[in-house]
């Protein structure tokens, strides 16, 4: 019997996002998702710029990988598209 893999950092974050947006009215859900997507895009840009220059990662992103950012951004964008439909 194999153990199931533990959820990724992004999956745990997105589960918290899902729990939060379930409590919000539609306009607030869309605004929240827009702000989260913009914030994560900024974080990824700063992380990428530092990584490319061989600098230490920005505060709060020290253990993050490109996959963490891509999975998070994709998950937020998916939720944003669902809200727009």
N, C-alpha and C. Protein backbone atom coordinates (compact mmCIF):
# COMPACT_ATOMS: atom_id res chain seq x y z
N UNK A 1 0.84 -1.17 0.00
CA UNK A 1 0.00 0.00 0.00
C UNK A 1 0.89 1.24 0.00
N UNK A 2 0.65 2.14 -0.92
CA UNK A 2 1.47 3.35 -0.98
C UNK A 2 0.73 4.52 -0.35
N UNK A 3 1.48 5.39 0.24
CA UNK A 3 0.90 6.57 0.85
C UNK A 3 0.56 7.58 -0.24
N UNK A 4 -0.53 8.28 -0.04
CA UNK A 4 -0.88 9.29 -1.03
C UNK A 4 0.06 10.48 -0.85
N UNK A 5 0.41 11.13 -1.95
CA UNK A 5 1.33 12.27 -1.84
C UNK A 5 0.67 13.41 -1.06
N UNK A 6 1.48 14.12 -0.33
CA UNK A 6 0.92 15.25 0.41
C UNK A 6 0.64 16.38 -0.58
N UNK A 7 -0.35 17.20 -0.26
CA UNK A 7 -0.67 18.29 -1.18
C UNK A 7 0.50 19.27 -1.31
N UNK A 8 0.61 19.86 -2.45
CA UNK A 8 1.67 20.84 -2.69
C UNK A 8 1.36 22.13 -1.92
N UNK A 9 2.36 22.97 -1.84
CA UNK A 9 2.15 24.28 -1.20
C UNK A 9 1.04 25.03 -1.90
N UNK A 10 1.05 25.00 -3.22
CA UNK A 10 0.03 25.71 -3.99
C UNK A 10 -1.35 25.11 -3.74
N UNK A 11 -1.44 23.80 -3.68
CA UNK A 11 -2.73 23.15 -3.44
C UNK A 11 -3.29 23.53 -2.07
N UNK A 12 -2.42 23.60 -1.07
CA UNK A 12 -2.89 24.01 0.26
C UNK A 12 -3.36 25.46 0.24
N UNK A 13 -2.61 26.33 -0.43
CA UNK A 13 -3.01 27.74 -0.54
C UNK A 13 -4.34 27.86 -1.28
N UNK A 14 -4.46 27.16 -2.40
CA UNK A 14 -5.68 27.26 -3.20
C UNK A 14 -6.89 26.70 -2.46
N UNK A 15 -6.68 25.71 -1.60
CA UNK A 15 -7.78 25.20 -0.77
C UNK A 15 -8.26 26.30 0.19
N UNK A 16 -7.31 27.06 0.74
CA UNK A 16 -7.70 28.18 1.62
C UNK A 16 -8.42 29.26 0.82
N UNK A 17 -7.95 29.53 -0.40
CA UNK A 17 -8.63 30.50 -1.26
C UNK A 17 -10.06 30.04 -1.53
N UNK A 18 -10.23 28.77 -1.87
CA UNK A 18 -11.57 28.24 -2.15
C UNK A 18 -12.49 28.39 -0.95
N UNK A 19 -11.98 28.09 0.23
CA UNK A 19 -12.79 28.24 1.45
C UNK A 19 -13.18 29.69 1.67
N UNK A 20 -12.27 30.60 1.39
CA UNK A 20 -12.54 32.03 1.60
C UNK A 20 -13.54 32.55 0.58
N UNK A 21 -13.33 32.26 -0.69
CA UNK A 21 -14.22 32.84 -1.71
C UNK A 21 -15.63 32.25 -1.64
N UNK A 22 -15.75 31.07 -1.06
CA UNK A 22 -17.09 30.48 -0.92
C UNK A 22 -17.98 31.33 -0.02
N UNK A 23 -17.38 32.13 0.84
CA UNK A 23 -18.12 32.97 1.78
C UNK A 23 -18.39 34.37 1.25
N UNK A 24 -17.91 34.68 0.06
CA UNK A 24 -18.01 36.03 -0.47
C UNK A 24 -19.09 36.15 -1.53
N UNK A 25 -19.71 37.33 -1.65
CA UNK A 25 -20.62 37.56 -2.77
C UNK A 25 -19.81 37.63 -4.08
N UNK A 26 -20.49 37.48 -5.20
CA UNK A 26 -19.83 37.36 -6.50
C UNK A 26 -18.86 38.50 -6.80
N UNK A 27 -19.26 39.74 -6.58
CA UNK A 27 -18.37 40.88 -6.88
C UNK A 27 -17.11 40.83 -6.02
N UNK A 28 -17.27 40.49 -4.76
CA UNK A 28 -16.12 40.41 -3.86
C UNK A 28 -15.21 39.25 -4.24
N UNK A 29 -15.79 38.13 -4.70
CA UNK A 29 -14.96 36.99 -5.15
C UNK A 29 -14.09 37.41 -6.32
N UNK A 30 -14.70 38.09 -7.28
CA UNK A 30 -13.93 38.53 -8.46
C UNK A 30 -12.83 39.51 -8.08
N UNK A 31 -13.15 40.45 -7.21
CA UNK A 31 -12.14 41.44 -6.77
C UNK A 31 -11.02 40.75 -5.99
N UNK A 32 -11.37 39.82 -5.12
CA UNK A 32 -10.35 39.10 -4.34
C UNK A 32 -9.44 38.32 -5.26
N UNK A 33 -10.00 37.60 -6.21
CA UNK A 33 -9.18 36.80 -7.12
C UNK A 33 -8.29 37.69 -7.98
N UNK A 34 -8.82 38.82 -8.44
CA UNK A 34 -8.00 39.77 -9.22
C UNK A 34 -6.81 40.25 -8.41
N UNK A 35 -7.06 40.61 -7.15
CA UNK A 35 -5.98 41.14 -6.32
C UNK A 35 -4.95 40.06 -5.99
N UNK A 36 -5.41 38.85 -5.73
CA UNK A 36 -4.48 37.76 -5.44
C UNK A 36 -3.63 37.41 -6.66
N UNK A 37 -4.25 37.38 -7.82
CA UNK A 37 -3.51 37.07 -9.05
C UNK A 37 -2.46 38.14 -9.31
N UNK A 38 -2.83 39.40 -9.15
CA UNK A 38 -1.87 40.50 -9.36
C UNK A 38 -0.72 40.41 -8.35
N UNK A 39 -1.04 40.11 -7.09
CA UNK A 39 0.01 40.02 -6.06
C UNK A 39 0.96 38.87 -6.36
N UNK A 40 0.43 37.72 -6.77
CA UNK A 40 1.29 36.57 -7.08
C UNK A 40 2.12 36.81 -8.34
N UNK A 41 1.58 37.54 -9.30
CA UNK A 41 2.38 37.89 -10.49
C UNK A 41 3.55 38.78 -10.11
N UNK A 42 3.31 39.74 -9.19
CA UNK A 42 4.41 40.60 -8.72
C UNK A 42 5.45 39.78 -7.97
N UNK A 43 4.99 38.88 -7.09
CA UNK A 43 5.93 38.03 -6.33
C UNK A 43 6.78 37.18 -7.28
N UNK A 44 6.12 36.61 -8.27
CA UNK A 44 6.85 35.76 -9.22
C UNK A 44 7.86 36.58 -10.01
N UNK A 45 7.47 37.78 -10.44
CA UNK A 45 8.39 38.65 -11.17
C UNK A 45 9.62 39.00 -10.33
N UNK A 46 9.39 39.32 -9.07
CA UNK A 46 10.52 39.65 -8.18
C UNK A 46 11.40 38.43 -7.94
N UNK A 47 10.78 37.28 -7.73
CA UNK A 47 11.52 36.04 -7.51
C UNK A 47 12.35 35.69 -8.74
N UNK A 48 11.73 35.80 -9.91
CA UNK A 48 12.42 35.47 -11.16
C UNK A 48 13.60 36.40 -11.40
N UNK A 49 13.39 37.70 -11.18
CA UNK A 49 14.47 38.67 -11.39
C UNK A 49 15.64 38.37 -10.45
N UNK A 50 15.35 38.08 -9.21
CA UNK A 50 16.43 37.77 -8.25
C UNK A 50 17.14 36.48 -8.63
N UNK A 51 16.38 35.47 -9.01
CA UNK A 51 16.95 34.18 -9.37
C UNK A 51 17.86 34.31 -10.59
N UNK A 52 17.40 35.05 -11.59
CA UNK A 52 18.21 35.22 -12.81
C UNK A 52 19.51 35.95 -12.53
N UNK A 53 19.52 36.82 -11.53
CA UNK A 53 20.73 37.58 -11.20
C UNK A 53 21.58 36.87 -10.15
N UNK A 54 21.13 35.73 -9.68
CA UNK A 54 21.88 35.00 -8.65
C UNK A 54 21.79 35.64 -7.29
N UNK A 55 20.77 36.45 -7.07
CA UNK A 55 20.58 37.12 -5.79
C UNK A 55 19.70 36.28 -4.88
N UNK A 56 19.72 36.55 -3.59
CA UNK A 56 18.82 35.85 -2.68
C UNK A 56 17.38 36.15 -3.06
N UNK A 57 16.48 35.21 -2.87
CA UNK A 57 15.08 35.45 -3.21
C UNK A 57 14.47 36.51 -2.31
N UNK A 58 13.46 37.21 -2.80
CA UNK A 58 12.79 38.22 -1.98
C UNK A 58 12.18 37.61 -0.72
N UNK A 59 11.95 38.44 0.26
CA UNK A 59 11.34 37.98 1.52
C UNK A 59 10.02 37.26 1.23
N UNK A 60 9.83 36.16 1.93
CA UNK A 60 8.59 35.40 1.78
C UNK A 60 8.60 34.41 0.63
N UNK A 61 9.69 34.36 -0.13
CA UNK A 61 9.74 33.43 -1.27
C UNK A 61 10.97 32.53 -1.22
N UNK A 62 11.62 32.48 -0.08
CA UNK A 62 12.90 31.78 0.03
C UNK A 62 12.83 30.31 -0.37
N UNK A 63 11.77 29.62 -0.02
CA UNK A 63 11.68 28.20 -0.33
C UNK A 63 10.84 27.91 -1.56
N UNK A 64 10.39 28.94 -2.23
CA UNK A 64 9.52 28.75 -3.40
C UNK A 64 10.32 28.29 -4.61
N UNK A 65 9.64 27.56 -5.47
CA UNK A 65 10.20 27.15 -6.75
C UNK A 65 9.36 27.74 -7.86
N UNK A 66 9.88 27.69 -9.07
CA UNK A 66 9.10 28.17 -10.22
C UNK A 66 7.79 27.40 -10.32
N UNK A 67 7.85 26.10 -10.01
CA UNK A 67 6.63 25.28 -10.06
C UNK A 67 5.59 25.80 -9.07
N UNK A 68 6.00 26.19 -7.86
CA UNK A 68 5.06 26.74 -6.89
C UNK A 68 4.33 27.95 -7.46
N UNK A 69 5.10 28.84 -8.07
CA UNK A 69 4.49 30.04 -8.64
C UNK A 69 3.57 29.69 -9.81
N UNK A 70 4.01 28.84 -10.70
CA UNK A 70 3.20 28.49 -11.87
C UNK A 70 1.91 27.79 -11.45
N UNK A 71 2.01 26.88 -10.50
CA UNK A 71 0.82 26.16 -10.04
C UNK A 71 -0.16 27.13 -9.36
N UNK A 72 0.35 28.04 -8.57
CA UNK A 72 -0.50 29.02 -7.89
C UNK A 72 -1.14 29.96 -8.88
N UNK A 73 -0.35 30.50 -9.80
CA UNK A 73 -0.90 31.43 -10.80
C UNK A 73 -1.94 30.74 -11.67
N UNK A 74 -1.67 29.52 -12.07
CA UNK A 74 -2.63 28.77 -12.89
C UNK A 74 -3.92 28.53 -12.12
N UNK A 75 -3.80 28.15 -10.86
CA UNK A 75 -4.99 27.90 -10.04
C UNK A 75 -5.82 29.15 -9.83
N UNK A 76 -5.17 30.27 -9.58
CA UNK A 76 -5.90 31.53 -9.41
C UNK A 76 -6.56 31.96 -10.72
N UNK A 77 -5.84 31.81 -11.83
CA UNK A 77 -6.41 32.18 -13.12
C UNK A 77 -7.62 31.30 -13.47
N UNK A 78 -7.54 30.03 -13.15
CA UNK A 78 -8.67 29.12 -13.38
C UNK A 78 -9.89 29.58 -12.58
N UNK A 79 -9.69 29.92 -11.32
CA UNK A 79 -10.79 30.38 -10.49
C UNK A 79 -11.34 31.70 -11.01
N UNK A 80 -10.47 32.57 -11.49
CA UNK A 80 -10.92 33.85 -12.04
C UNK A 80 -11.76 33.63 -13.31
N UNK A 81 -11.34 32.71 -14.17
CA UNK A 81 -12.11 32.40 -15.38
C UNK A 81 -13.49 31.82 -15.02
N UNK A 82 -13.53 30.96 -14.03
CA UNK A 82 -14.82 30.39 -13.59
C UNK A 82 -15.77 31.48 -13.11
N UNK A 83 -15.23 32.46 -12.40
CA UNK A 83 -16.07 33.56 -11.88
C UNK A 83 -16.56 34.44 -13.02
N UNK A 84 -15.78 34.56 -14.07
CA UNK A 84 -16.17 35.43 -15.19
C UNK A 84 -17.26 34.78 -16.05
N UNK A 85 -17.36 33.47 -15.98
CA UNK A 85 -18.34 32.76 -16.82
C UNK A 85 -19.75 32.90 -16.32
